[in-house]
Amino acid sequence: MTENDTRKEIIRVFRKYERLGLSREGLDPVRAYKRIDVLCASRRGKLDMFAVYDTMRILSLLGEEDVISAVRRVYFADVAYRLTASMISDRVLKCACEQYCDARTIYRRLKRARELYGSIRKNLDEF
């Protein structure tokens, strides 16, 4: 699988996480895990959602609210619609303007979230 395919797959998983309503603030781990268990039928789907939940929690615990904000504004917005590259670019530019930073900074923040997700997901597979 190429890096581009991996990125698209991770974005798809993040968007599914939002579509299932799991990104609500204050969802404690026990309730989140029970909800994931009910909503996802396959083992792979459950592990994907657990990894996204853990990614968001770890980012929150590390105080990386800027990364969480970028994920919410770019990946979690309008999950009912198919996400295209131009939509991502538009959202990144808008997010950069709102956060008074460069678009490259937003792309780095999104990459940070994807990389953290990837390492968590890999560890869940090995477990």
N, C-alpha and C. Protein backbone atom coordinates (compact mmCIF):
# COMPACT_ATOMS: atom_id res chain seq x y z
N MET A 1 0.85 -1.18 0.00
CA MET A 1 0.00 0.00 0.00
C MET A 1 0.89 1.24 0.00
N THR A 2 0.61 2.16 -0.89
CA THR A 2 1.41 3.38 -0.98
C THR A 2 1.06 4.34 0.14
N GLU A 3 1.90 5.35 0.31
CA GLU A 3 1.67 6.34 1.35
C GLU A 3 0.37 7.10 1.10
N ASN A 4 0.07 7.38 -0.16
CA ASN A 4 -1.16 8.09 -0.51
C ASN A 4 -2.39 7.25 -0.16
N ASP A 5 -2.33 5.94 -0.45
CA ASP A 5 -3.44 5.05 -0.11
C ASP A 5 -3.63 4.96 1.40
N THR A 6 -2.52 4.90 2.11
CA THR A 6 -2.58 4.83 3.58
C THR A 6 -3.22 6.10 4.13
N ARG A 7 -2.82 7.26 3.60
CA ARG A 7 -3.38 8.53 4.05
C ARG A 7 -4.89 8.56 3.81
N LYS A 8 -5.31 8.14 2.63
CA LYS A 8 -6.74 8.13 2.31
C LYS A 8 -7.51 7.20 3.24
N GLU A 9 -6.94 6.05 3.54
CA GLU A 9 -7.60 5.10 4.43
C GLU A 9 -7.74 5.67 5.83
N ILE A 10 -6.70 6.32 6.32
CA ILE A 10 -6.75 6.91 7.66
C ILE A 10 -7.78 8.03 7.70
N ILE A 11 -7.83 8.86 6.68
CA ILE A 11 -8.83 9.93 6.62
C ILE A 11 -10.22 9.33 6.61
N ARG A 12 -10.42 8.25 5.86
CA ARG A 12 -11.72 7.58 5.82
C ARG A 12 -12.11 7.09 7.20
N VAL A 13 -11.16 6.55 7.96
CA VAL A 13 -11.45 6.05 9.31
C VAL A 13 -11.80 7.21 10.24
N PHE A 14 -11.06 8.31 10.16
CA PHE A 14 -11.37 9.49 10.99
C PHE A 14 -12.77 9.99 10.69
N ARG A 15 -13.14 10.02 9.42
CA ARG A 15 -14.47 10.51 9.04
C ARG A 15 -15.56 9.56 9.50
N LYS A 16 -15.30 8.27 9.46
CA LYS A 16 -16.27 7.29 9.96
C LYS A 16 -16.47 7.46 11.46
N TYR A 17 -15.40 7.74 12.16
CA TYR A 17 -15.45 7.98 13.60
C TYR A 17 -16.42 9.13 13.91
N GLU A 18 -16.30 10.20 13.15
CA GLU A 18 -17.20 11.35 13.34
C GLU A 18 -18.62 10.99 12.93
N ARG A 19 -18.77 10.27 11.82
CA ARG A 19 -20.10 9.90 11.33
C ARG A 19 -20.85 9.04 12.34
N LEU A 20 -20.13 8.21 13.08
CA LEU A 20 -20.75 7.36 14.11
C LEU A 20 -21.06 8.13 15.39
N GLY A 21 -20.66 9.39 15.44
CA GLY A 21 -20.96 10.22 16.61
C GLY A 21 -20.04 9.96 17.79
N LEU A 22 -18.86 9.45 17.53
CA LEU A 22 -17.94 9.11 18.61
C LEU A 22 -17.03 10.26 19.02
N SER A 23 -17.08 11.36 18.30
CA SER A 23 -16.18 12.48 18.58
C SER A 23 -16.74 13.47 19.61
N ARG A 24 -17.84 13.11 20.21
CA ARG A 24 -18.44 14.02 21.19
C ARG A 24 -17.48 14.26 22.35
N GLU A 25 -17.48 15.50 22.83
CA GLU A 25 -16.62 15.86 23.96
C GLU A 25 -17.09 15.14 25.22
N GLY A 26 -16.17 14.75 26.04
CA GLY A 26 -16.49 14.19 27.34
C GLY A 26 -16.99 12.76 27.33
N LEU A 27 -16.79 12.04 26.26
CA LEU A 27 -17.19 10.64 26.21
C LEU A 27 -16.10 9.84 26.91
N ASP A 28 -16.43 9.32 28.10
CA ASP A 28 -15.42 8.61 28.88
C ASP A 28 -15.05 7.28 28.20
N PRO A 29 -13.87 6.73 28.50
CA PRO A 29 -13.40 5.53 27.80
C PRO A 29 -14.34 4.34 27.87
N VAL A 30 -14.94 4.09 29.02
CA VAL A 30 -15.82 2.92 29.15
C VAL A 30 -17.04 3.07 28.24
N ARG A 31 -17.67 4.22 28.28
CA ARG A 31 -18.84 4.44 27.41
C ARG A 31 -18.46 4.44 25.94
N ALA A 32 -17.31 5.02 25.62
CA ALA A 32 -16.86 5.06 24.23
C ALA A 32 -16.60 3.65 23.73
N TYR A 33 -15.91 2.83 24.52
CA TYR A 33 -15.59 1.46 24.09
C TYR A 33 -16.86 0.62 23.94
N LYS A 34 -17.82 0.82 24.85
CA LYS A 34 -19.09 0.09 24.73
C LYS A 34 -19.83 0.52 23.47
N ARG A 35 -19.83 1.81 23.21
CA ARG A 35 -20.52 2.33 22.02
C ARG A 35 -19.86 1.81 20.74
N ILE A 36 -18.54 1.78 20.71
CA ILE A 36 -17.82 1.24 19.55
C ILE A 36 -18.15 -0.23 19.38
N ASP A 37 -18.21 -0.95 20.47
CA ASP A 37 -18.51 -2.38 20.40
C ASP A 37 -19.90 -2.63 19.80
N VAL A 38 -20.84 -1.76 20.11
CA VAL A 38 -22.21 -1.90 19.59
C VAL A 38 -22.30 -1.46 18.13
N LEU A 39 -21.63 -0.35 17.78
CA LEU A 39 -21.76 0.23 16.45
C LEU A 39 -20.97 -0.50 15.36
N CYS A 40 -19.89 -1.12 15.71
CA CYS A 40 -19.02 -1.76 14.72
C CYS A 40 -19.16 -3.28 14.79
N ALA A 41 -19.44 -3.87 13.65
CA ALA A 41 -19.66 -5.32 13.61
C ALA A 41 -18.35 -6.09 13.49
N SER A 42 -17.43 -5.60 12.67
CA SER A 42 -16.20 -6.36 12.42
C SER A 42 -15.11 -6.00 13.43
N ARG A 43 -14.20 -6.92 13.61
CA ARG A 43 -13.07 -6.69 14.52
C ARG A 43 -12.22 -5.54 13.99
N ARG A 44 -11.98 -5.51 12.69
CA ARG A 44 -11.18 -4.45 12.09
C ARG A 44 -11.81 -3.08 12.34
N GLY A 45 -13.13 -2.97 12.14
CA GLY A 45 -13.83 -1.71 12.37
C GLY A 45 -13.72 -1.25 13.81
N LYS A 46 -13.83 -2.19 14.73
CA LYS A 46 -13.70 -1.85 16.15
C LYS A 46 -12.30 -1.35 16.46
N LEU A 47 -11.29 -2.06 15.95
CA LEU A 47 -9.91 -1.64 16.21
C LEU A 47 -9.62 -0.28 15.60
N ASP A 48 -10.17 -0.01 14.42
CA ASP A 48 -10.01 1.31 13.80
C ASP A 48 -10.58 2.41 14.69
N MET A 49 -11.78 2.20 15.19
CA MET A 49 -12.44 3.21 16.02
C MET A 49 -11.74 3.36 17.38
N PHE A 50 -11.29 2.24 17.96
CA PHE A 50 -10.52 2.33 19.21
C PHE A 50 -9.26 3.16 18.99
N ALA A 51 -8.59 2.95 17.86
CA ALA A 51 -7.36 3.68 17.57
C ALA A 51 -7.61 5.17 17.41
N VAL A 52 -8.70 5.55 16.74
CA VAL A 52 -9.01 6.98 16.59
C VAL A 52 -9.35 7.58 17.95
N TYR A 53 -10.15 6.86 18.74
CA TYR A 53 -10.50 7.36 20.07
C TYR A 53 -9.24 7.57 20.90
N ASP A 54 -8.36 6.58 20.89
CA ASP A 54 -7.12 6.69 21.66
C ASP A 54 -6.22 7.80 21.13
N THR A 55 -6.20 7.99 19.83
CA THR A 55 -5.42 9.08 19.24
C THR A 55 -5.91 10.42 19.75
N MET A 56 -7.20 10.62 19.72
CA MET A 56 -7.76 11.90 20.17
C MET A 56 -7.52 12.11 21.67
N ARG A 57 -7.63 11.05 22.45
CA ARG A 57 -7.38 11.17 23.90
C ARG A 57 -5.92 11.48 24.19
N ILE A 58 -5.02 10.81 23.50
CA ILE A 58 -3.59 11.05 23.72
C ILE A 58 -3.23 12.48 23.33
N LEU A 59 -3.74 12.93 22.20
CA LEU A 59 -3.48 14.32 21.79
C LEU A 59 -4.01 15.29 22.84
N SER A 60 -5.16 15.00 23.39
CA SER A 60 -5.73 15.85 24.42
C SER A 60 -4.87 15.83 25.69
N LEU A 61 -4.44 14.66 26.09
CA LEU A 61 -3.61 14.54 27.29
C LEU A 61 -2.26 15.21 27.12
N LEU A 62 -1.74 15.22 25.90
CA LEU A 62 -0.47 15.89 25.62
C LEU A 62 -0.62 17.40 25.45
N GLY A 63 -1.86 17.87 25.47
CA GLY A 63 -2.11 19.29 25.32
C GLY A 63 -1.99 19.80 23.90
N GLU A 64 -2.13 18.92 22.94
CA GLU A 64 -2.01 19.31 21.54
C GLU A 64 -3.39 19.65 20.97
N GLU A 65 -3.99 20.66 21.54
CA GLU A 65 -5.31 21.10 21.12
C GLU A 65 -5.30 21.64 19.69
N ASP A 66 -4.16 22.17 19.27
CA ASP A 66 -4.06 22.67 17.90
C ASP A 66 -4.18 21.54 16.88
N VAL A 67 -3.65 20.36 17.20
CA VAL A 67 -3.76 19.20 16.32
C VAL A 67 -5.21 18.71 16.30
N ILE A 68 -5.83 18.65 17.47
CA ILE A 68 -7.22 18.21 17.57
C ILE A 68 -8.13 19.16 16.79
N SER A 69 -7.88 20.44 16.93
CA SER A 69 -8.67 21.44 16.22
C SER A 69 -8.53 21.27 14.70
N ALA A 70 -7.33 21.02 14.23
CA ALA A 70 -7.12 20.82 12.79
C ALA A 70 -7.87 19.58 12.31
N VAL A 71 -7.82 18.51 13.07
CA VAL A 71 -8.53 17.28 12.70
C VAL A 71 -10.03 17.54 12.65
N ARG A 72 -10.55 18.21 13.65
CA ARG A 72 -11.98 18.50 13.69
C ARG A 72 -12.42 19.37 12.52
N ARG A 73 -11.65 20.39 12.21
CA ARG A 73 -12.04 21.34 11.16
C ARG A 73 -11.85 20.78 9.76
N VAL A 74 -10.87 19.91 9.57
CA VAL A 74 -10.59 19.41 8.22
C VAL A 74 -11.26 18.06 7.98
N TYR A 75 -11.07 17.11 8.88
CA TYR A 75 -11.58 15.76 8.65
C TYR A 75 -13.00 15.53 9.16
N PHE A 76 -13.38 16.19 10.24
CA PHE A 76 -14.68 15.92 10.85
C PHE A 76 -15.81 16.77 10.28
N ALA A 77 -15.52 17.75 9.47
CA ALA A 77 -16.56 18.64 8.93
C ALA A 77 -17.31 17.96 7.77
N ASP A 78 -18.61 18.10 7.76
CA ASP A 78 -19.47 17.61 6.67
C ASP A 78 -19.19 16.16 6.29
N VAL A 79 -19.31 15.27 7.26
CA VAL A 79 -18.98 13.86 7.01
C VAL A 79 -20.00 13.16 6.12
N ALA A 80 -21.12 13.79 5.87
CA ALA A 80 -22.13 13.18 5.00
C ALA A 80 -21.72 13.24 3.53
N TYR A 81 -20.77 14.12 3.21
CA TYR A 81 -20.33 14.29 1.83
C TYR A 81 -18.98 13.63 1.61
N ARG A 82 -18.75 13.21 0.38
CA ARG A 82 -17.47 12.61 0.00
C ARG A 82 -16.40 13.69 0.02
N LEU A 83 -15.29 13.40 0.63
CA LEU A 83 -14.21 14.37 0.77
C LEU A 83 -13.26 14.29 -0.43
N THR A 84 -13.01 15.41 -1.05
CA THR A 84 -12.09 15.46 -2.19
C THR A 84 -10.84 16.23 -1.79
N ALA A 85 -9.81 16.14 -2.62
CA ALA A 85 -8.55 16.83 -2.35
C ALA A 85 -8.76 18.34 -2.31
N SER A 86 -9.61 18.86 -3.19
CA SER A 86 -9.84 20.31 -3.19
C SER A 86 -10.58 20.75 -1.93
N MET A 87 -11.47 19.90 -1.42
CA MET A 87 -12.15 20.24 -0.17
C MET A 87 -11.16 20.27 1.00
N ILE A 88 -10.23 19.32 1.01
CA ILE A 88 -9.22 19.31 2.07
C ILE A 88 -8.38 20.59 1.98
N SER A 89 -7.96 20.96 0.78
CA SER A 89 -7.16 22.18 0.59
C SER A 89 -7.92 23.41 1.07
N ASP A 90 -9.19 23.50 0.71
CA ASP A 90 -10.00 24.64 1.13
C ASP A 90 -10.12 24.70 2.65
N ARG A 91 -10.37 23.55 3.26
CA ARG A 91 -10.52 23.52 4.72
C ARG A 91 -9.21 23.83 5.42
N VAL A 92 -8.11 23.36 4.87
CA VAL A 92 -6.80 23.66 5.46
C VAL A 92 -6.53 25.16 5.40
N LEU A 93 -6.80 25.77 4.27
CA LEU A 93 -6.59 27.22 4.14
C LEU A 93 -7.48 28.00 5.11
N LYS A 94 -8.72 27.59 5.22
CA LYS A 94 -9.64 28.26 6.14
C LYS A 94 -9.17 28.08 7.59
N CYS A 95 -8.76 26.87 7.93
CA CYS A 95 -8.26 26.59 9.27
C CYS A 95 -7.00 27.40 9.56
N ALA A 96 -6.12 27.51 8.59
CA ALA A 96 -4.90 28.29 8.76
C ALA A 96 -5.22 29.76 9.01
N CYS A 97 -6.18 30.29 8.29
CA CYS A 97 -6.58 31.68 8.50
C CYS A 97 -7.17 31.89 9.89
N GLU A 98 -8.00 30.94 10.31
CA GLU A 98 -8.65 31.06 11.62
C GLU A 98 -7.66 30.92 12.76
N GLN A 99 -6.60 30.13 12.54
CA GLN A 99 -5.63 29.90 13.61
C GLN A 99 -4.37 30.76 13.46
N TYR A 100 -4.40 31.68 12.48
CA TYR A 100 -3.29 32.60 12.25
C TYR A 100 -1.96 31.87 12.08
N CYS A 101 -1.96 30.91 11.18
CA CYS A 101 -0.73 30.18 10.88
C CYS A 101 -0.69 29.83 9.40
N ASP A 102 0.37 29.19 8.99
CA ASP A 102 0.58 28.80 7.60
C ASP A 102 -0.17 27.50 7.31
N ALA A 103 -0.56 27.30 6.07
CA ALA A 103 -1.24 26.06 5.67
C ALA A 103 -0.34 24.85 5.90
N ARG A 104 0.96 25.02 5.71
CA ARG A 104 1.90 23.91 5.95
C ARG A 104 1.84 23.45 7.40
N THR A 105 1.62 24.38 8.30
CA THR A 105 1.51 24.03 9.72
C THR A 105 0.30 23.15 9.95
N ILE A 106 -0.81 23.47 9.32
CA ILE A 106 -2.02 22.65 9.45
C ILE A 106 -1.77 21.27 8.87
N TYR A 107 -1.13 21.19 7.72
CA TYR A 107 -0.81 19.88 7.13
C TYR A 107 0.10 19.07 8.06
N ARG A 108 1.05 19.72 8.73
CA ARG A 108 1.92 19.01 9.69
C ARG A 108 1.12 18.50 10.88
N ARG A 109 0.16 19.30 11.32
CA ARG A 109 -0.68 18.87 12.45
C ARG A 109 -1.52 17.66 12.06
N LEU A 110 -2.08 17.69 10.87
CA LEU A 110 -2.87 16.55 10.40
C LEU A 110 -2.00 15.32 10.25
N LYS A 111 -0.79 15.51 9.78
CA LYS A 111 0.14 14.39 9.63
C LYS A 111 0.49 13.81 11.00
N ARG A 112 0.65 14.67 11.99
CA ARG A 112 0.94 14.23 13.36
C ARG A 112 -0.17 13.31 13.85
N ALA A 113 -1.41 13.70 13.63
CA ALA A 113 -2.56 12.88 14.05
C ALA A 113 -2.57 11.56 13.30
N ARG A 114 -2.34 11.59 11.99
CA ARG A 114 -2.33 10.35 11.20
C ARG A 114 -1.22 9.41 11.63
N GLU A 115 -0.03 9.96 11.91
CA GLU A 115 1.08 9.11 12.35
C GLU A 115 0.81 8.49 13.70
N LEU A 116 0.25 9.27 14.62
CA LEU A 116 -0.10 8.73 15.93
C LEU A 116 -1.14 7.63 15.78
N TYR A 117 -2.15 7.88 14.97
CA TYR A 117 -3.16 6.86 14.71
C TYR A 117 -2.51 5.59 14.16
N GLY A 118 -1.61 5.75 13.19
CA GLY A 118 -0.95 4.60 12.57
C GLY A 118 -0.18 3.76 13.56
N SER A 119 0.53 4.42 14.47
CA SER A 119 1.30 3.65 15.46
C SER A 119 0.38 2.95 16.46
N ILE A 120 -0.69 3.60 16.85
CA ILE A 120 -1.64 2.97 17.77
C ILE A 120 -2.32 1.80 17.09
N ARG A 121 -2.73 2.01 15.86
CA ARG A 121 -3.43 0.93 15.11
C ARG A 121 -2.52 -0.27 14.91
N LYS A 122 -1.26 -0.02 14.61
CA LYS A 122 -0.30 -1.11 14.44
C LYS A 122 -0.14 -1.91 15.73
N ASN A 123 -0.06 -1.21 16.84
CA ASN A 123 0.07 -1.89 18.14
C ASN A 123 -1.18 -2.69 18.48
N LEU A 124 -2.35 -2.19 18.10
CA LEU A 124 -3.58 -2.94 18.34
C LEU A 124 -3.61 -4.22 17.51
N ASP A 125 -3.10 -4.15 16.29
CA ASP A 125 -3.03 -5.36 15.45
C ASP A 125 -2.14 -6.42 16.08
N GLU A 126 -1.02 -5.99 16.65
CA GLU A 126 -0.09 -6.92 17.27
C GLU A 126 -0.64 -7.51 18.57
N PHE A 127 -1.51 -6.75 19.23
CA PHE A 127 -2.09 -7.19 20.49
C PHE A 127 -3.08 -8.29 20.21
